[in-house]
Amino acid sequence: MNAVLAILAGTVALTLGSSSPLRAHEIPADAVVRAYLQVDDDELTLLARVPLESMRDVKFPLRGPGFLDLASIDKALQDAAIIWIANQIELYEGERRLEKYELKVARVALPSDRSFSSYTSALASITGPALPEATELMWNQALLDVMLVYPIDSPNADFSVRPRFERLGIRTTTVLRFITNKGVERPYEFVGDPGLLRLDPRWHHAFFRFIVLGFEHILDGFDHLLFILCLIIPLRHIRPLVVIVTSFTLAHSITLLSSAFGFVPTVSWFPPLIETLIAASIVYMALENIVAGDLRRRWMIAFAFGLVHGFGFAFALSQTLQFAGSHLVTSLLAFNLGVEFGQLFVIVLVVPVVNLLFRYVMPERLGIIILSALLAHTGWHWMSERAGKLVSYSFQWPDFAMAPLALAFRWLMFLLVIATALWLMMRWNRRMLGVSPGPQSLVD
C-alpha cells in the first residue's frame, strides 16, 4: 500500500510540475531560422534568430499568464543558445573544424522585429539595448537572437558549414547569408539538414556533390524510373539501348540547361503540366509496348519525352543550384552525369532480371504485355491525379517582358539546338545499328 501511495504521489507531482510555468515545450510544426555568417580579418561572426518555442529542453522563467520574466531570463537564454545553436552548428575553416567560440549575446526579440532583413541592422539590434524588463511577451511568441564569434586564421580560407537545425521543428527552414571579407553576399535557403555546405565551393566540390545528387534523383524519381523501364522491356540489347538512353539523356540535358538559364515559362501551371506529361509519357510508352509499335523509331520518342523530363529534372534541381556557387555549368553537367550513371545502374540491374523472367517464367511477348500493362496502370493513375490538379489552375500565357526580337532569337536558338541534336542522333543511330544485323543481348 505504501508503494502504491508513493507511485500515486509521484505521478501527481509530475503532473503538477508539467503544468507549471517553467514547463518544457512541444516541438513546433514549422520553425524558421535566419542566420548571417560574416568573415572579418581574424574572426567569423554568426548571427542567428530562432523561435524561442523551439528551445524544448530549456525552462524559461515566466510571470503572469505566460509572459517571459525578462529580469531573470539571461541564464536560460545562454543555455538555450549553447544547446540549440552553438552545439548544433559545425563550422569549418578549410578542413579544420572551428570548435572555439565566444557567446557574445543571447537575448529576446519581439515577433514584429524586422532587423534581420540585413546583416547591418541585425548586428545593430543584437548589440543594441535589450528589451525593457517590463515588456509583456508571451514565451511562445518570442524570438531568440544569438551572436557567436569564432577565431579564424585567414579570412581568405575556404569556409563550410553544417547547420544541424532540423530538430528545431517538424519542418525547419534555414535562411543563411554568407558574407565574405570582400563584402560579397551569398544567400542560401534549405529545409532540414543540407549536409556539409561549402560556402564558396571549388569546381570539384560542386562537381562531385551534383553527381551524387543526380544519381540519387534518378533513383528517387519513380516516374523517371518507370519511363526507363518502359524503354527497356522490349529492347534488352546493347546497341538499341545505348542509342535510346543517349537520345533520352541528350534531350533532357537540353531542357535542363535551358531551364537553369531562365529559358522556361514562369507561370504557375507549367510545373503541374510537365508532371502530367511525364506521367503521360509512361502511359504512351507502355501502350506502345503492348501493341508492338515500331521499335526502330523509339529513339525519336525517347528524345521527345526526354525534353519533357528535362523540365522535371530542372524543377527538382531549382532549389539545389544555390549550392553550386559560381560553377553553374559544371554543376549542371555533373548532375546530368549522375543521372546517366543512375540510368545505367538501373539498366544493368533490370535487364538481366527481365531476360531471365522471359526465359524461364513466361513467354517474352506475354511478359512484355503484362509488365507494360502494370506500368500503364500506374502511369494512368498518376496522370489522372496530376491532370486533376492541373485543371484547377488559371491558365494565362506568360507576360513576355523582353523585346520581341530578343525573344524570337532565343526561341530560334532553342529550336536550332534541338534540330542539331536530332540530326546528330539520326546519324549516330544509323551508324550504331548498321554495324551488325543482330544486336547482342546483355545476358548473352
Protein backbone atom coordinates (compact mmCIF):
# COMPACT_ATOMS: atom_id res chain seq x y z
CA MET A 1 0.00 0.00 0.00
CA ASN A 2 2.83 2.39 0.85
CA ALA A 3 4.48 1.68 -2.51
CA VAL A 4 1.21 2.36 -4.34
CA LEU A 5 0.72 5.63 -2.47
CA ALA A 6 4.30 6.66 -3.30
CA ILE A 7 3.75 5.99 -7.00
CA LEU A 8 0.49 7.97 -6.99
CA ALA A 9 2.17 10.86 -5.18
CA GLY A 10 4.99 10.87 -7.70
CA THR A 11 2.53 10.86 -10.61
CA VAL A 12 0.62 13.81 -9.13
CA ALA A 13 3.88 15.67 -8.57
CA LEU A 14 4.98 15.11 -12.15
CA THR A 15 1.59 16.19 -13.44
CA LEU A 16 1.63 19.38 -11.40
CA GLY A 17 5.21 20.03 -12.40
CA SER A 18 4.44 19.64 -16.07
CA SER A 19 1.68 22.25 -15.76
CA SER A 20 3.90 24.81 -14.01
CA PRO A 21 5.05 27.99 -15.79
CA LEU A 22 8.54 26.51 -16.21
CA ARG A 23 7.40 23.57 -18.31
CA ALA A 24 9.28 22.36 -21.40
CA HIS A 25 7.69 22.91 -24.80
CA GLU A 26 6.37 20.72 -27.56
CA ILE A 27 8.17 20.68 -30.90
CA PRO A 28 6.65 23.34 -33.21
CA ALA A 29 5.29 22.33 -36.59
CA ASP A 30 7.28 24.94 -38.53
CA ALA A 31 10.43 26.74 -37.50
CA VAL A 32 12.33 29.37 -39.47
CA VAL A 33 15.99 30.08 -38.72
CA ARG A 34 17.58 33.26 -40.04
CA ALA A 35 21.35 33.48 -39.87
CA TYR A 36 24.31 35.50 -41.09
CA LEU A 37 27.94 34.43 -41.34
CA GLN A 38 30.32 37.37 -41.66
CA VAL A 39 34.04 36.89 -42.33
CA ASP A 40 36.36 39.50 -40.82
CA ASP A 41 40.15 39.68 -40.63
CA ASP A 42 40.60 37.33 -37.68
CA GLU A 43 37.13 36.12 -36.75
CA LEU A 44 33.93 34.64 -38.12
CA THR A 45 30.72 36.12 -36.73
CA LEU A 46 27.46 34.17 -36.59
CA LEU A 47 24.17 35.98 -36.05
CA ALA A 48 21.18 33.70 -35.66
CA ARG A 49 17.50 34.19 -34.91
CA VAL A 50 15.29 31.23 -33.94
CA PRO A 51 11.82 30.86 -32.39
CA LEU A 52 12.05 30.58 -28.61
CA GLU A 53 9.40 27.86 -28.59
CA SER A 54 11.89 25.55 -30.38
CA MET A 55 14.10 25.50 -27.26
CA ARG A 56 12.30 22.48 -25.84
CA ASP A 57 14.73 21.30 -23.14
CA VAL A 58 15.22 24.75 -21.62
CA LYS A 59 12.87 26.09 -18.95
CA PHE A 60 12.37 29.84 -19.16
CA PRO A 61 11.14 31.80 -16.13
CA LEU A 62 7.61 33.11 -16.63
CA ARG A 63 5.34 35.54 -14.90
CA GLY A 64 1.63 36.24 -15.03
CA PRO A 65 -0.37 34.40 -17.70
CA GLY A 66 2.78 33.23 -19.55
CA PHE A 67 4.91 36.32 -20.08
CA LEU A 68 8.67 35.88 -20.07
CA ASP A 69 10.33 37.11 -16.90
CA LEU A 70 13.00 39.22 -18.63
CA ALA A 71 14.58 40.20 -15.32
CA SER A 72 15.82 36.65 -14.66
CA ILE A 73 15.99 35.08 -18.10
CA ASP A 74 19.64 35.67 -19.06
CA LYS A 75 20.97 32.31 -17.78
CA ALA A 76 18.21 30.36 -19.55
CA LEU A 77 18.84 32.22 -22.82
CA GLN A 78 22.57 31.48 -22.64
CA ASP A 79 21.83 27.78 -22.04
CA ALA A 80 19.44 27.74 -25.00
CA ALA A 81 21.98 29.46 -27.25
CA ILE A 82 24.67 26.92 -26.40
CA ILE A 83 22.47 23.81 -26.54
CA TRP A 84 20.41 24.64 -29.64
CA ILE A 85 22.68 26.93 -31.66
CA ALA A 86 26.38 26.62 -30.80
CA ASN A 87 26.29 22.85 -30.27
CA GLN A 88 24.20 22.21 -33.38
CA ILE A 89 26.20 24.12 -35.98
CA GLU A 90 29.51 22.86 -37.39
CA LEU A 91 31.82 25.48 -38.90
CA TYR A 92 34.99 24.65 -40.82
CA GLU A 93 37.94 26.72 -41.97
CA GLY A 94 39.34 24.59 -44.75
CA GLU A 95 39.24 21.09 -43.29
CA ARG A 96 39.66 22.26 -39.68
CA ARG A 97 36.55 22.48 -37.55
CA LEU A 98 36.15 25.71 -35.58
CA GLU A 99 35.43 24.44 -32.08
CA LYS A 100 36.37 27.52 -30.05
CA TYR A 101 33.77 30.27 -29.88
CA GLU A 102 32.60 33.09 -27.67
CA LEU A 103 28.93 33.66 -26.92
CA LYS A 104 28.67 37.42 -27.18
CA VAL A 105 24.93 37.94 -26.93
CA ALA A 106 21.81 35.89 -26.27
CA ARG A 107 18.67 37.96 -25.94
CA VAL A 108 14.95 38.01 -26.68
CA ALA A 109 13.38 39.87 -29.62
CA LEU A 110 9.78 40.73 -30.43
CA PRO A 111 8.00 38.76 -33.18
CA SER A 112 7.41 42.05 -35.01
CA ASP A 113 11.14 42.87 -35.11
CA ARG A 114 12.44 43.08 -38.74
CA SER A 115 16.08 43.78 -38.00
CA PHE A 116 17.28 40.51 -39.60
CA SER A 117 16.48 41.86 -43.05
CA SER A 118 20.19 42.74 -43.38
CA TYR A 119 23.42 41.96 -41.57
CA THR A 120 23.97 45.58 -40.56
CA SER A 121 20.54 46.00 -38.97
CA ALA A 122 20.74 42.56 -37.31
CA LEU A 123 24.12 43.39 -35.77
CA ALA A 124 22.85 46.78 -34.58
CA SER A 125 19.79 45.15 -33.00
CA ILE A 126 21.75 42.41 -31.23
CA THR A 127 24.40 44.76 -29.86
CA GLY A 128 21.89 47.50 -29.01
CA PRO A 129 19.73 47.89 -25.89
CA ALA A 130 17.79 44.87 -24.70
CA LEU A 131 14.03 44.81 -24.28
CA PRO A 132 12.76 46.54 -21.12
CA GLU A 133 12.15 44.10 -18.26
CA ALA A 134 8.51 45.19 -18.07
CA THR A 135 7.81 44.04 -21.64
CA GLU A 136 4.84 41.68 -21.76
CA LEU A 137 5.94 39.00 -24.23
CA MET A 138 4.44 35.51 -24.39
CA TRP A 139 7.09 32.79 -24.31
CA ASN A 140 5.76 31.02 -27.43
CA GLN A 141 5.84 34.24 -29.49
CA ALA A 142 9.35 35.43 -28.64
CA LEU A 143 12.45 35.13 -30.81
CA LEU A 144 15.94 34.27 -29.61
CA ASP A 145 18.80 36.32 -31.10
CA VAL A 146 22.30 34.90 -30.73
CA MET A 147 25.74 36.26 -31.58
CA LEU A 148 28.69 33.85 -31.69
CA VAL A 149 32.27 34.76 -32.63
CA TYR A 150 34.81 32.16 -33.87
CA PRO A 151 38.54 32.98 -34.17
CA ILE A 152 40.00 32.13 -37.62
CA ASP A 153 43.48 32.01 -39.14
CA SER A 154 42.80 33.59 -42.52
CA PRO A 155 39.82 35.48 -43.98
CA ASN A 156 40.65 34.02 -47.43
CA ALA A 157 40.23 30.39 -46.38
CA ASP A 158 37.52 28.09 -47.72
CA PHE A 159 34.68 28.08 -45.19
CA SER A 160 31.95 25.48 -44.90
CA VAL A 161 29.10 24.85 -42.52
CA ARG A 162 26.73 22.11 -41.50
CA PRO A 163 23.72 23.74 -39.80
CA ARG A 164 22.00 20.89 -37.99
CA PHE A 165 18.88 22.86 -37.09
CA GLU A 166 16.37 20.28 -38.33
CA ARG A 167 15.35 19.35 -34.75
CA LEU A 168 14.07 22.86 -34.05
CA GLY A 169 10.77 21.99 -35.71
CA ILE A 170 8.93 19.27 -37.57
CA ARG A 171 9.79 21.28 -40.69
CA THR A 172 12.74 23.64 -40.26
CA THR A 173 13.60 26.20 -42.92
CA THR A 174 17.00 27.88 -42.67
CA VAL A 175 17.74 31.15 -44.45
CA LEU A 176 21.51 31.65 -44.35
CA ARG A 177 23.54 34.51 -45.81
CA PHE A 178 27.31 34.20 -46.07
CA ILE A 179 29.27 37.46 -46.36
CA THR A 180 32.93 37.28 -47.38
CA ASN A 181 35.61 39.69 -46.17
CA LYS A 182 35.28 41.45 -49.54
CA GLY A 183 31.58 42.14 -48.94
CA VAL A 184 30.24 39.54 -51.39
CA GLU A 185 26.98 38.05 -50.08
CA ARG A 186 25.79 34.54 -50.97
CA PRO A 187 22.24 33.58 -49.91
CA TYR A 188 21.14 30.02 -49.15
CA GLU A 189 17.75 28.62 -48.22
CA PHE A 190 17.06 24.98 -47.43
CA VAL A 191 14.80 22.70 -45.42
CA GLY A 192 16.16 20.26 -42.84
CA ASP A 193 19.79 19.18 -42.84
CA PRO A 194 21.56 20.03 -46.12
CA GLY A 195 24.72 18.18 -45.11
CA LEU A 196 28.08 19.90 -45.37
CA LEU A 197 27.51 23.17 -47.20
CA ARG A 198 30.62 24.67 -48.79
CA LEU A 199 30.03 28.41 -48.75
CA ASP A 200 32.44 29.11 -51.62
CA PRO A 201 32.85 25.72 -53.33
CA ARG A 202 35.66 24.88 -55.72
CA TRP A 203 34.68 23.34 -59.04
CA HIS A 204 35.49 19.80 -57.89
CA HIS A 205 33.38 20.22 -54.74
CA ALA A 206 30.38 21.25 -56.84
CA PHE A 207 31.10 18.55 -59.43
CA PHE A 208 31.08 15.62 -57.01
CA ARG A 209 28.16 16.98 -54.99
CA PHE A 210 25.95 17.25 -58.07
CA ILE A 211 26.98 13.86 -59.43
CA VAL A 212 25.66 12.35 -56.21
CA LEU A 213 22.51 14.48 -56.42
CA GLY A 214 21.85 13.33 -59.99
CA PHE A 215 22.37 9.67 -59.10
CA GLU A 216 20.09 9.94 -56.06
CA HIS A 217 17.44 11.83 -58.00
CA ILE A 218 17.03 9.21 -60.71
CA LEU A 219 16.71 6.50 -58.05
CA ASP A 220 14.16 8.52 -56.05
CA GLY A 221 12.19 9.66 -59.09
CA PHE A 222 9.80 6.77 -59.60
CA ASP A 223 8.15 8.35 -62.64
CA HIS A 224 11.52 8.61 -64.40
CA LEU A 225 12.35 5.04 -63.42
CA LEU A 226 9.07 3.71 -64.81
CA PHE A 227 9.68 5.52 -68.07
CA ILE A 228 13.12 3.90 -68.34
CA LEU A 229 11.53 0.50 -67.63
CA CYS A 230 9.10 1.10 -70.48
CA LEU A 231 12.09 1.69 -72.75
CA ILE A 232 13.93 -1.40 -71.52
CA ILE A 233 11.26 -4.11 -71.55
CA PRO A 234 11.01 -4.70 -75.34
CA LEU A 235 14.64 -3.71 -76.07
CA ARG A 236 17.08 -5.66 -73.93
CA HIS A 237 20.03 -5.35 -76.29
CA ILE A 238 23.17 -3.30 -76.08
CA ARG A 239 23.13 -1.16 -79.20
CA PRO A 240 19.43 -0.16 -79.29
CA LEU A 241 19.52 0.61 -75.57
CA VAL A 242 22.65 2.74 -75.92
CA VAL A 243 21.03 4.76 -78.72
CA ILE A 244 17.71 5.21 -76.89
CA VAL A 245 19.20 6.10 -73.50
CA THR A 246 21.65 8.52 -75.14
CA SER A 247 18.77 10.14 -77.02
CA PHE A 248 16.78 10.50 -73.80
CA THR A 249 19.82 11.92 -71.95
CA LEU A 250 20.68 14.38 -74.72
CA ALA A 251 17.11 15.68 -74.83
CA HIS A 252 16.68 16.19 -71.09
CA SER A 253 20.12 17.84 -70.98
CA ILE A 254 18.91 20.47 -73.46
CA THR A 255 15.83 21.46 -71.47
CA LEU A 256 17.63 21.19 -68.12
CA LEU A 257 20.34 23.62 -69.27
CA SER A 258 17.73 25.90 -70.82
CA SER A 259 15.72 25.97 -67.59
CA ALA A 260 18.78 26.70 -65.48
CA PHE A 261 19.49 29.78 -67.59
CA GLY A 262 15.93 31.07 -67.28
CA PHE A 263 14.51 29.78 -70.58
CA VAL A 264 11.35 28.36 -69.05
CA PRO A 265 7.84 29.79 -68.53
CA THR A 266 7.30 31.18 -65.03
CA VAL A 267 3.53 30.68 -64.97
CA SER A 268 2.14 28.63 -62.09
CA TRP A 269 0.53 25.98 -64.30
CA PHE A 270 3.73 24.99 -66.12
CA PRO A 271 5.21 22.64 -63.42
CA PRO A 272 1.97 20.62 -63.00
CA LEU A 273 1.68 20.47 -66.80
CA ILE A 274 5.14 18.93 -67.02
CA GLU A 275 4.35 16.46 -64.24
CA THR A 276 1.19 15.42 -66.10
CA LEU A 277 3.10 14.98 -69.37
CA ILE A 278 5.74 12.86 -67.61
CA ALA A 279 3.01 10.51 -66.40
CA ALA A 280 1.51 10.54 -69.90
CA SER A 281 4.88 9.51 -71.33
CA ILE A 282 4.77 6.36 -69.20
CA VAL A 283 1.27 5.53 -70.41
CA TYR A 284 2.19 6.09 -74.05
CA MET A 285 5.38 4.01 -73.96
CA ALA A 286 3.64 1.19 -72.09
CA LEU A 287 0.76 1.11 -74.60
CA GLU A 288 3.24 1.10 -77.47
CA ASN A 289 4.90 -1.95 -75.90
CA ILE A 290 1.52 -3.70 -75.71
CA VAL A 291 0.55 -3.05 -79.34
CA ALA A 292 4.09 -3.84 -80.55
CA GLY A 293 4.84 -0.49 -82.15
CA ASP A 294 7.76 0.26 -84.44
CA LEU A 295 10.80 0.00 -82.17
CA ARG A 296 13.16 1.37 -84.81
CA ARG A 297 11.84 4.88 -84.20
CA ARG A 298 11.74 4.58 -80.42
CA TRP A 299 14.81 6.75 -80.01
CA MET A 300 12.84 9.66 -81.51
CA ILE A 301 10.04 9.15 -78.99
CA ALA A 302 12.59 8.91 -76.21
CA PHE A 303 14.10 12.19 -77.43
CA ALA A 304 10.72 13.95 -77.47
CA PHE A 305 9.78 12.78 -73.99
CA GLY A 306 13.32 13.49 -72.81
CA LEU A 307 12.67 17.18 -73.47
CA VAL A 308 9.70 16.96 -71.11
CA HIS A 309 11.58 15.01 -68.42
CA GLY A 310 14.36 17.61 -68.57
CA PHE A 311 11.95 20.24 -67.25
CA GLY A 312 11.06 17.84 -64.44
CA PHE A 313 14.75 17.50 -63.56
CA ALA A 314 15.04 21.29 -63.61
CA PHE A 315 12.18 21.69 -61.11
CA ALA A 316 13.86 19.21 -58.77
CA LEU A 317 17.19 20.98 -59.16
CA SER A 318 15.93 24.55 -58.79
CA GLN A 319 16.44 24.73 -55.02
CA THR A 320 19.75 22.86 -55.13
CA LEU A 321 21.58 25.03 -57.66
CA GLN A 322 22.25 27.54 -54.88
CA PHE A 323 24.93 25.11 -53.63
CA ALA A 324 26.82 25.33 -56.93
CA GLY A 325 28.44 28.66 -56.10
CA SER A 326 29.86 30.18 -59.27
CA HIS A 327 30.12 26.79 -61.02
CA LEU A 328 26.64 26.59 -62.56
CA VAL A 329 27.57 24.88 -65.83
CA THR A 330 29.90 22.42 -64.08
CA SER A 331 27.16 21.51 -61.61
CA LEU A 332 24.58 21.01 -64.36
CA LEU A 333 26.89 18.75 -66.34
CA ALA A 334 27.73 16.81 -63.17
CA PHE A 335 24.03 16.43 -62.35
CA ASN A 336 23.39 15.09 -65.84
CA LEU A 337 26.31 12.71 -65.47
CA GLY A 338 24.88 11.48 -62.17
CA VAL A 339 21.51 10.93 -63.82
CA GLU A 340 23.22 8.95 -66.59
CA PHE A 341 25.04 6.79 -64.03
CA GLY A 342 21.72 6.18 -62.28
CA GLN A 343 20.07 5.13 -65.54
CA LEU A 344 22.91 2.75 -66.38
CA PHE A 345 22.72 1.33 -62.86
CA VAL A 346 19.01 0.61 -63.30
CA ILE A 347 19.57 -0.92 -66.74
CA VAL A 348 22.36 -3.20 -65.50
CA LEU A 349 20.12 -4.43 -62.68
CA VAL A 350 16.83 -4.76 -64.55
CA VAL A 351 17.78 -6.14 -67.98
CA PRO A 352 19.26 -9.47 -66.77
CA VAL A 353 16.28 -9.99 -64.44
CA VAL A 354 13.77 -9.36 -67.23
CA ASN A 355 15.66 -11.63 -69.62
CA LEU A 356 15.69 -14.43 -67.07
CA LEU A 357 11.97 -13.86 -66.42
CA PHE A 358 11.15 -14.20 -70.10
CA ARG A 359 13.41 -17.20 -70.50
CA TYR A 360 12.24 -19.33 -67.56
CA VAL A 361 8.88 -17.97 -66.29
CA MET A 362 6.74 -16.73 -69.18
CA PRO A 363 6.93 -16.22 -72.94
CA GLU A 364 8.52 -12.94 -73.97
CA ARG A 365 5.50 -11.46 -75.74
CA LEU A 366 3.17 -12.29 -72.85
CA GLY A 367 5.67 -10.90 -70.35
CA ILE A 368 6.01 -7.63 -72.27
CA ILE A 369 2.22 -7.23 -72.31
CA ILE A 370 1.79 -7.98 -68.58
CA LEU A 371 4.65 -5.76 -67.38
CA SER A 372 3.65 -2.93 -69.71
CA ALA A 373 0.03 -3.16 -68.55
CA LEU A 374 1.16 -2.77 -64.94
CA LEU A 375 3.26 0.25 -65.88
CA ALA A 376 0.42 1.76 -67.90
CA HIS A 377 -1.96 1.27 -64.96
CA THR A 378 0.40 3.11 -62.59
CA GLY A 379 1.09 5.88 -65.11
CA TRP A 380 -2.63 6.32 -65.78
CA HIS A 381 -3.36 6.87 -62.08
CA TRP A 382 -0.54 9.42 -61.82
CA MET A 383 -1.70 11.16 -64.99
CA SER A 384 -5.31 11.36 -63.78
CA GLU A 385 -4.31 12.68 -60.38
CA ARG A 386 -1.92 15.29 -61.80
CA ALA A 387 -4.35 16.31 -64.53
CA GLY A 388 -6.97 16.92 -61.82
CA LYS A 389 -4.60 19.32 -60.10
CA LEU A 390 -3.63 20.92 -63.41
CA VAL A 391 -7.19 21.92 -64.34
CA SER A 392 -7.53 23.80 -61.05
CA TYR A 393 -5.00 26.40 -62.23
CA SER A 394 -5.94 29.57 -64.05
CA PHE A 395 -4.33 29.32 -67.47
CA GLN A 396 -2.67 32.52 -68.57
CA TRP A 397 0.14 32.97 -71.02
CA PRO A 398 3.37 34.30 -69.53
CA ASP A 399 3.99 38.02 -69.81
CA PHE A 400 6.94 38.27 -72.18
CA ALA A 401 8.72 41.38 -70.93
CA MET A 402 11.70 41.16 -73.25
CA ALA A 403 11.72 42.66 -76.71
CA PRO A 404 10.03 40.51 -79.38
CA LEU A 405 13.21 40.31 -81.45
CA ALA A 406 15.27 39.05 -78.49
CA LEU A 407 12.55 36.57 -77.55
CA ALA A 408 12.32 35.27 -81.11
CA PHE A 409 16.10 34.90 -81.22
CA ARG A 410 16.11 32.82 -78.03
CA TRP A 411 13.37 30.54 -79.34
CA LEU A 412 15.21 30.20 -82.64
CA MET A 413 18.40 29.20 -80.83
CA PHE A 414 16.45 26.71 -78.71
CA LEU A 415 14.85 25.09 -81.77
CA LEU A 416 18.19 25.09 -83.58
CA VAL A 417 19.82 23.19 -80.71
CA ILE A 418 17.00 20.62 -80.76
CA ALA A 419 17.25 20.22 -84.55
CA THR A 420 21.03 19.80 -84.36
CA ALA A 421 20.71 17.21 -81.63
CA LEU A 422 18.14 15.29 -83.67
CA TRP A 423 20.38 15.33 -86.75
CA LEU A 424 23.35 14.05 -84.75
CA MET A 425 21.22 11.32 -83.20
CA MET A 426 19.93 10.20 -86.61
CA ARG A 427 23.46 9.84 -87.96
CA TRP A 428 24.67 8.08 -84.84
CA ASN A 429 21.62 5.79 -84.81
CA ARG A 430 22.33 4.64 -88.38
CA ARG A 431 25.97 4.01 -87.58
CA MET A 432 25.27 2.13 -84.34
CA LEU A 433 22.51 -0.11 -85.66
CA GLY A 434 24.13 -0.63 -89.04
CA VAL A 435 27.31 -2.26 -87.71
CA SER A 436 25.85 -5.72 -87.43
CA PRO A 437 22.45 -7.12 -88.27
CA GLY A 438 21.87 -8.74 -84.89
CA PRO A 439 22.49 -6.81 -81.66
CA GLN A 440 23.99 -8.75 -78.82
CA SER A 441 21.90 -9.48 -75.74
CA LEU A 442 23.11 -8.15 -72.41
CA VAL A 443 22.61 -11.55 -70.85
CA ASP A 444 24.35 -13.36 -73.65
